Amino acid sequence: MLLKSTETVSETIIAYMQDHLDQNITLDELSNIVHLEKSHLVRFFRNETGKTSIESLIEMRLTKASDLVATSDLCIYEIATQCGYNTVSFFISKYKQRYGMTPEVHRRVLKQLN
C-alpha cells in the first residue's frame, strides 16, 4: 500500500489497519507502508489523530467486535479472532473495559431491547 498524494499518514495507516484488523499489525509493518521511521510515524500519527496507532487499532477492533456482537450469531471466540485477538480472555477483558460488560452480557442486553 502506497501513500496517496491526497492522504495523510494517519489516513493511510487507518485504512490499512481497517483492512487487516484480524491480523497481527506491527509498528515496523506500518512504518514500511508509509516509508517513515517508526519514531516519525508515531509522532505524525499522534499529531494528526490525537492518539497512538495502538489506541486507534484497539478502538477499531472493539468497534468491530461490538458490531459483530450486536448483528451476528458468531460465538465469542470467532468474534475475537475476526477482530485480531488471539486470546479470548484478553479480548473479553478489553471489551469489558470499553463497554462495561462482557460481549455475552452485551449481546443478551441487546436482544432484550429488540
N, C-alpha and C. Protein backbone atom coordinates (compact mmCIF):
# COMPACT_ATOMS: atom_id res chain seq x y z
N MET A 1 0.86 -1.17 0.00
CA MET A 1 0.00 0.00 0.00
C MET A 1 0.91 1.23 0.00
N LEU A 2 0.67 2.09 -0.93
CA LEU A 2 1.47 3.31 -1.01
C LEU A 2 0.65 4.49 -0.53
N LEU A 3 1.34 5.46 0.00
CA LEU A 3 0.71 6.69 0.46
C LEU A 3 0.27 7.48 -0.76
N LYS A 4 -1.05 7.72 -0.88
CA LYS A 4 -1.57 8.51 -1.98
C LYS A 4 -1.32 9.98 -1.69
N SER A 5 -1.16 10.77 -2.72
CA SER A 5 -0.81 12.17 -2.53
C SER A 5 -1.88 12.94 -1.75
N THR A 6 -3.13 12.49 -1.79
CA THR A 6 -4.19 13.20 -1.09
C THR A 6 -4.44 12.68 0.32
N GLU A 7 -3.75 11.62 0.70
CA GLU A 7 -3.94 11.02 2.03
C GLU A 7 -2.88 11.50 3.00
N THR A 8 -3.28 11.63 4.25
CA THR A 8 -2.30 11.89 5.29
C THR A 8 -1.72 10.56 5.74
N VAL A 9 -0.67 10.63 6.50
CA VAL A 9 -0.06 9.41 7.06
C VAL A 9 -1.10 8.64 7.86
N SER A 10 -1.84 9.34 8.71
CA SER A 10 -2.82 8.64 9.55
C SER A 10 -3.93 8.02 8.73
N GLU A 11 -4.39 8.67 7.68
CA GLU A 11 -5.45 8.09 6.84
C GLU A 11 -4.98 6.79 6.19
N THR A 12 -3.74 6.78 5.73
CA THR A 12 -3.18 5.58 5.12
C THR A 12 -3.07 4.46 6.15
N ILE A 13 -2.58 4.79 7.33
CA ILE A 13 -2.42 3.79 8.39
C ILE A 13 -3.78 3.27 8.84
N ILE A 14 -4.74 4.15 9.03
CA ILE A 14 -6.08 3.75 9.47
C ILE A 14 -6.73 2.84 8.43
N ALA A 15 -6.61 3.18 7.15
CA ALA A 15 -7.17 2.34 6.10
C ALA A 15 -6.53 0.95 6.12
N TYR A 16 -5.22 0.91 6.29
CA TYR A 16 -4.53 -0.38 6.35
C TYR A 16 -5.00 -1.20 7.55
N MET A 17 -5.08 -0.55 8.71
CA MET A 17 -5.50 -1.27 9.92
C MET A 17 -6.93 -1.79 9.75
N GLN A 18 -7.83 -0.98 9.17
CA GLN A 18 -9.21 -1.42 8.96
C GLN A 18 -9.25 -2.68 8.08
N ASP A 19 -8.40 -2.72 7.07
CA ASP A 19 -8.37 -3.86 6.15
C ASP A 19 -7.71 -5.10 6.74
N HIS A 20 -6.98 -4.94 7.85
CA HIS A 20 -6.22 -6.05 8.42
C HIS A 20 -6.48 -6.24 9.92
N LEU A 21 -7.68 -5.90 10.37
CA LEU A 21 -7.98 -5.98 11.81
C LEU A 21 -7.77 -7.36 12.39
N ASP A 22 -7.95 -8.39 11.60
CA ASP A 22 -7.83 -9.75 12.09
C ASP A 22 -6.39 -10.24 12.17
N GLN A 23 -5.44 -9.41 11.74
CA GLN A 23 -4.05 -9.82 11.69
C GLN A 23 -3.22 -9.10 12.76
N ASN A 24 -2.07 -9.67 13.04
CA ASN A 24 -1.12 -9.02 13.94
C ASN A 24 -0.46 -7.88 13.16
N ILE A 25 -0.67 -6.66 13.61
CA ILE A 25 -0.13 -5.48 12.92
C ILE A 25 0.98 -4.90 13.80
N THR A 26 2.15 -4.75 13.21
CA THR A 26 3.29 -4.24 13.98
C THR A 26 3.63 -2.81 13.54
N LEU A 27 4.32 -2.11 14.41
CA LEU A 27 4.78 -0.76 14.10
C LEU A 27 5.78 -0.80 12.94
N ASP A 28 6.59 -1.84 12.86
CA ASP A 28 7.52 -2.00 11.74
C ASP A 28 6.75 -2.06 10.42
N GLU A 29 5.70 -2.84 10.42
CA GLU A 29 4.88 -3.00 9.22
C GLU A 29 4.26 -1.66 8.82
N LEU A 30 3.70 -0.94 9.79
CA LEU A 30 3.08 0.35 9.50
C LEU A 30 4.10 1.36 8.99
N SER A 31 5.28 1.37 9.58
CA SER A 31 6.30 2.32 9.13
C SER A 31 6.76 2.01 7.71
N ASN A 32 6.81 0.74 7.35
CA ASN A 32 7.16 0.36 5.98
C ASN A 32 6.11 0.83 4.98
N ILE A 33 4.87 0.78 5.37
CA ILE A 33 3.78 1.17 4.47
C ILE A 33 3.87 2.64 4.08
N VAL A 34 4.18 3.49 5.04
CA VAL A 34 4.23 4.93 4.76
C VAL A 34 5.66 5.44 4.58
N HIS A 35 6.61 4.53 4.59
CA HIS A 35 8.01 4.85 4.34
C HIS A 35 8.55 5.91 5.31
N LEU A 36 8.26 5.69 6.58
CA LEU A 36 8.76 6.56 7.64
C LEU A 36 9.42 5.71 8.71
N GLU A 37 10.40 6.28 9.38
CA GLU A 37 10.96 5.61 10.54
C GLU A 37 9.87 5.52 11.60
N LYS A 38 9.97 4.51 12.45
CA LYS A 38 8.93 4.30 13.48
C LYS A 38 8.70 5.54 14.33
N SER A 39 9.77 6.19 14.74
CA SER A 39 9.62 7.36 15.61
C SER A 39 8.88 8.49 14.90
N HIS A 40 9.13 8.66 13.60
CA HIS A 40 8.43 9.69 12.84
C HIS A 40 6.96 9.31 12.66
N LEU A 41 6.72 8.05 12.38
CA LEU A 41 5.34 7.58 12.23
C LEU A 41 4.54 7.83 13.50
N VAL A 42 5.12 7.46 14.63
CA VAL A 42 4.44 7.64 15.92
C VAL A 42 4.09 9.11 16.12
N ARG A 43 5.02 9.99 15.84
CA ARG A 43 4.80 11.42 16.03
C ARG A 43 3.75 11.95 15.05
N PHE A 44 3.87 11.61 13.75
CA PHE A 44 2.90 12.05 12.75
C PHE A 44 1.49 11.58 13.11
N PHE A 45 1.38 10.31 13.46
CA PHE A 45 0.06 9.74 13.74
C PHE A 45 -0.58 10.42 14.95
N ARG A 46 0.19 10.60 16.00
CA ARG A 46 -0.35 11.25 17.20
C ARG A 46 -0.73 12.71 16.92
N ASN A 47 0.09 13.40 16.15
CA ASN A 47 -0.22 14.80 15.81
C ASN A 47 -1.49 14.91 14.96
N GLU A 48 -1.70 13.95 14.07
CA GLU A 48 -2.85 14.00 13.17
C GLU A 48 -4.14 13.50 13.82
N THR A 49 -4.03 12.56 14.77
CA THR A 49 -5.24 11.94 15.33
C THR A 49 -5.46 12.22 16.80
N GLY A 50 -4.41 12.60 17.51
CA GLY A 50 -4.53 12.82 18.95
C GLY A 50 -4.40 11.55 19.77
N LYS A 51 -4.12 10.44 19.12
CA LYS A 51 -3.91 9.18 19.84
C LYS A 51 -2.85 8.36 19.13
N THR A 52 -2.40 7.32 19.80
CA THR A 52 -1.38 6.45 19.20
C THR A 52 -2.03 5.49 18.21
N SER A 53 -1.21 4.90 17.37
CA SER A 53 -1.73 3.91 16.42
C SER A 53 -2.29 2.71 17.16
N ILE A 54 -1.69 2.34 18.28
CA ILE A 54 -2.19 1.21 19.07
C ILE A 54 -3.56 1.53 19.65
N GLU A 55 -3.72 2.73 20.19
CA GLU A 55 -5.03 3.14 20.71
C GLU A 55 -6.09 3.11 19.61
N SER A 56 -5.73 3.58 18.43
CA SER A 56 -6.66 3.57 17.30
C SER A 56 -7.00 2.15 16.88
N LEU A 57 -6.00 1.29 16.84
CA LEU A 57 -6.22 -0.11 16.46
C LEU A 57 -7.15 -0.80 17.45
N ILE A 58 -6.92 -0.61 18.72
CA ILE A 58 -7.77 -1.21 19.74
C ILE A 58 -9.20 -0.70 19.60
N GLU A 59 -9.34 0.60 19.39
CA GLU A 59 -10.67 1.19 19.22
C GLU A 59 -11.39 0.59 18.00
N MET A 60 -10.69 0.46 16.89
CA MET A 60 -11.28 -0.13 15.68
C MET A 60 -11.69 -1.58 15.92
N ARG A 61 -10.82 -2.33 16.58
CA ARG A 61 -11.12 -3.75 16.84
C ARG A 61 -12.33 -3.89 17.75
N LEU A 62 -12.41 -3.06 18.78
CA LEU A 62 -13.53 -3.17 19.70
C LEU A 62 -14.84 -2.67 19.08
N THR A 63 -14.76 -1.69 18.21
CA THR A 63 -15.95 -1.24 17.50
C THR A 63 -16.47 -2.34 16.58
N LYS A 64 -15.57 -2.98 15.86
CA LYS A 64 -15.97 -4.10 15.00
C LYS A 64 -16.55 -5.22 15.85
N ALA A 65 -15.93 -5.51 16.98
CA ALA A 65 -16.43 -6.56 17.87
C ALA A 65 -17.83 -6.24 18.36
N SER A 66 -18.05 -5.01 18.75
CA SER A 66 -19.36 -4.60 19.22
C SER A 66 -20.41 -4.75 18.11
N ASP A 67 -20.04 -4.39 16.89
CA ASP A 67 -20.95 -4.56 15.75
C ASP A 67 -21.28 -6.04 15.54
N LEU A 68 -20.27 -6.90 15.64
CA LEU A 68 -20.49 -8.33 15.46
C LEU A 68 -21.32 -8.91 16.60
N VAL A 69 -21.10 -8.46 17.81
CA VAL A 69 -21.90 -8.91 18.95
C VAL A 69 -23.36 -8.56 18.71
N ALA A 70 -23.60 -7.37 18.20
CA ALA A 70 -24.97 -6.88 18.00
C ALA A 70 -25.66 -7.48 16.80
N THR A 71 -24.92 -7.82 15.75
CA THR A 71 -25.56 -8.18 14.49
C THR A 71 -25.34 -9.61 14.02
N SER A 72 -24.56 -10.38 14.75
CA SER A 72 -24.28 -11.75 14.30
C SER A 72 -24.56 -12.75 15.41
N ASP A 73 -24.56 -14.01 15.00
CA ASP A 73 -24.68 -15.10 15.97
C ASP A 73 -23.35 -15.81 16.16
N LEU A 74 -22.26 -15.16 15.75
CA LEU A 74 -20.94 -15.75 15.92
C LEU A 74 -20.64 -15.95 17.40
N CYS A 75 -19.93 -17.02 17.70
CA CYS A 75 -19.54 -17.23 19.09
C CYS A 75 -18.43 -16.22 19.44
N ILE A 76 -18.23 -16.02 20.72
CA ILE A 76 -17.28 -15.01 21.19
C ILE A 76 -15.87 -15.30 20.67
N TYR A 77 -15.49 -16.57 20.62
CA TYR A 77 -14.17 -16.92 20.09
C TYR A 77 -14.02 -16.46 18.64
N GLU A 78 -15.05 -16.67 17.82
CA GLU A 78 -14.99 -16.25 16.42
C GLU A 78 -14.90 -14.73 16.29
N ILE A 79 -15.64 -14.03 17.12
CA ILE A 79 -15.58 -12.57 17.11
C ILE A 79 -14.18 -12.10 17.50
N ALA A 80 -13.65 -12.69 18.55
CA ALA A 80 -12.30 -12.32 18.99
C ALA A 80 -11.29 -12.53 17.86
N THR A 81 -11.37 -13.66 17.20
CA THR A 81 -10.45 -13.98 16.11
C THR A 81 -10.60 -13.01 14.95
N GLN A 82 -11.83 -12.71 14.56
CA GLN A 82 -12.06 -11.79 13.45
C GLN A 82 -11.60 -10.36 13.77
N CYS A 83 -11.48 -10.07 15.05
CA CYS A 83 -11.07 -8.73 15.47
C CYS A 83 -9.60 -8.68 15.88
N GLY A 84 -8.85 -9.74 15.60
CA GLY A 84 -7.41 -9.72 15.81
C GLY A 84 -6.93 -10.12 17.19
N TYR A 85 -7.80 -10.72 17.98
CA TYR A 85 -7.40 -11.16 19.33
C TYR A 85 -7.12 -12.65 19.30
N ASN A 86 -5.94 -13.04 19.75
CA ASN A 86 -5.55 -14.44 19.78
C ASN A 86 -6.01 -15.14 21.05
N THR A 87 -6.30 -14.37 22.08
CA THR A 87 -6.70 -14.91 23.37
C THR A 87 -8.08 -14.38 23.72
N VAL A 88 -9.02 -15.29 23.90
CA VAL A 88 -10.40 -14.88 24.19
C VAL A 88 -10.48 -14.13 25.51
N SER A 89 -9.76 -14.59 26.51
CA SER A 89 -9.84 -13.92 27.82
C SER A 89 -9.33 -12.47 27.73
N PHE A 90 -8.28 -12.23 26.95
CA PHE A 90 -7.79 -10.87 26.77
C PHE A 90 -8.82 -10.03 26.03
N PHE A 91 -9.42 -10.60 24.99
CA PHE A 91 -10.47 -9.91 24.25
C PHE A 91 -11.62 -9.53 25.17
N ILE A 92 -12.07 -10.47 25.98
CA ILE A 92 -13.20 -10.21 26.88
C ILE A 92 -12.84 -9.11 27.87
N SER A 93 -11.62 -9.13 28.40
CA SER A 93 -11.23 -8.10 29.36
C SER A 93 -11.18 -6.71 28.71
N LYS A 94 -10.67 -6.61 27.49
CA LYS A 94 -10.64 -5.33 26.77
C LYS A 94 -12.07 -4.87 26.44
N TYR A 95 -12.89 -5.80 26.04
CA TYR A 95 -14.29 -5.47 25.70
C TYR A 95 -15.02 -4.94 26.94
N LYS A 96 -14.84 -5.63 28.04
CA LYS A 96 -15.49 -5.21 29.29
C LYS A 96 -14.96 -3.85 29.75
N GLN A 97 -13.68 -3.64 29.59
CA GLN A 97 -13.07 -2.36 29.96
C GLN A 97 -13.70 -1.23 29.13
N ARG A 98 -13.96 -1.48 27.86
CA ARG A 98 -14.51 -0.45 26.97
C ARG A 98 -16.01 -0.26 27.14
N TYR A 99 -16.77 -1.36 27.25
CA TYR A 99 -18.23 -1.28 27.23
C TYR A 99 -18.89 -1.53 28.58
N GLY A 100 -18.09 -1.89 29.58
CA GLY A 100 -18.65 -2.07 30.92
C GLY A 100 -19.34 -3.41 31.13
N MET A 101 -19.26 -4.29 30.15
CA MET A 101 -19.84 -5.63 30.26
C MET A 101 -19.15 -6.56 29.27
N THR A 102 -19.26 -7.84 29.53
CA THR A 102 -18.65 -8.81 28.63
C THR A 102 -19.45 -8.86 27.32
N PRO A 103 -18.85 -9.40 26.26
CA PRO A 103 -19.58 -9.49 24.99
C PRO A 103 -20.88 -10.30 25.11
N GLU A 104 -20.85 -11.39 25.88
CA GLU A 104 -22.06 -12.20 26.02
C GLU A 104 -23.17 -11.45 26.75
N VAL A 105 -22.82 -10.74 27.80
CA VAL A 105 -23.81 -9.94 28.52
C VAL A 105 -24.33 -8.83 27.61
N HIS A 106 -23.44 -8.21 26.87
CA HIS A 106 -23.84 -7.15 25.94
C HIS A 106 -24.83 -7.70 24.91
N ARG A 107 -24.56 -8.88 24.38
CA ARG A 107 -25.45 -9.50 23.40
C ARG A 107 -26.83 -9.77 24.02
N ARG A 108 -26.85 -10.28 25.25
CA ARG A 108 -28.15 -10.55 25.91
C ARG A 108 -28.93 -9.25 26.11
N VAL A 109 -28.23 -8.21 26.56
CA VAL A 109 -28.89 -6.91 26.78
C VAL A 109 -29.48 -6.40 25.46
N LEU A 110 -28.71 -6.48 24.40
CA LEU A 110 -29.19 -6.00 23.09
C LEU A 110 -30.39 -6.80 22.61
N LYS A 111 -30.39 -8.11 22.82
CA LYS A 111 -31.52 -8.95 22.41
C LYS A 111 -32.77 -8.61 23.20
N GLN A 112 -32.60 -8.29 24.48
CA GLN A 112 -33.75 -7.92 25.32
C GLN A 112 -34.35 -6.59 24.86
N LEU A 113 -33.52 -5.70 24.35
CA LEU A 113 -34.00 -4.39 23.89
C LEU A 113 -34.77 -4.50 22.57
N ASN A 114 -34.48 -5.52 21.81
CA ASN A 114 -35.13 -5.67 20.49
C ASN A 114 -36.31 -6.55 20.56
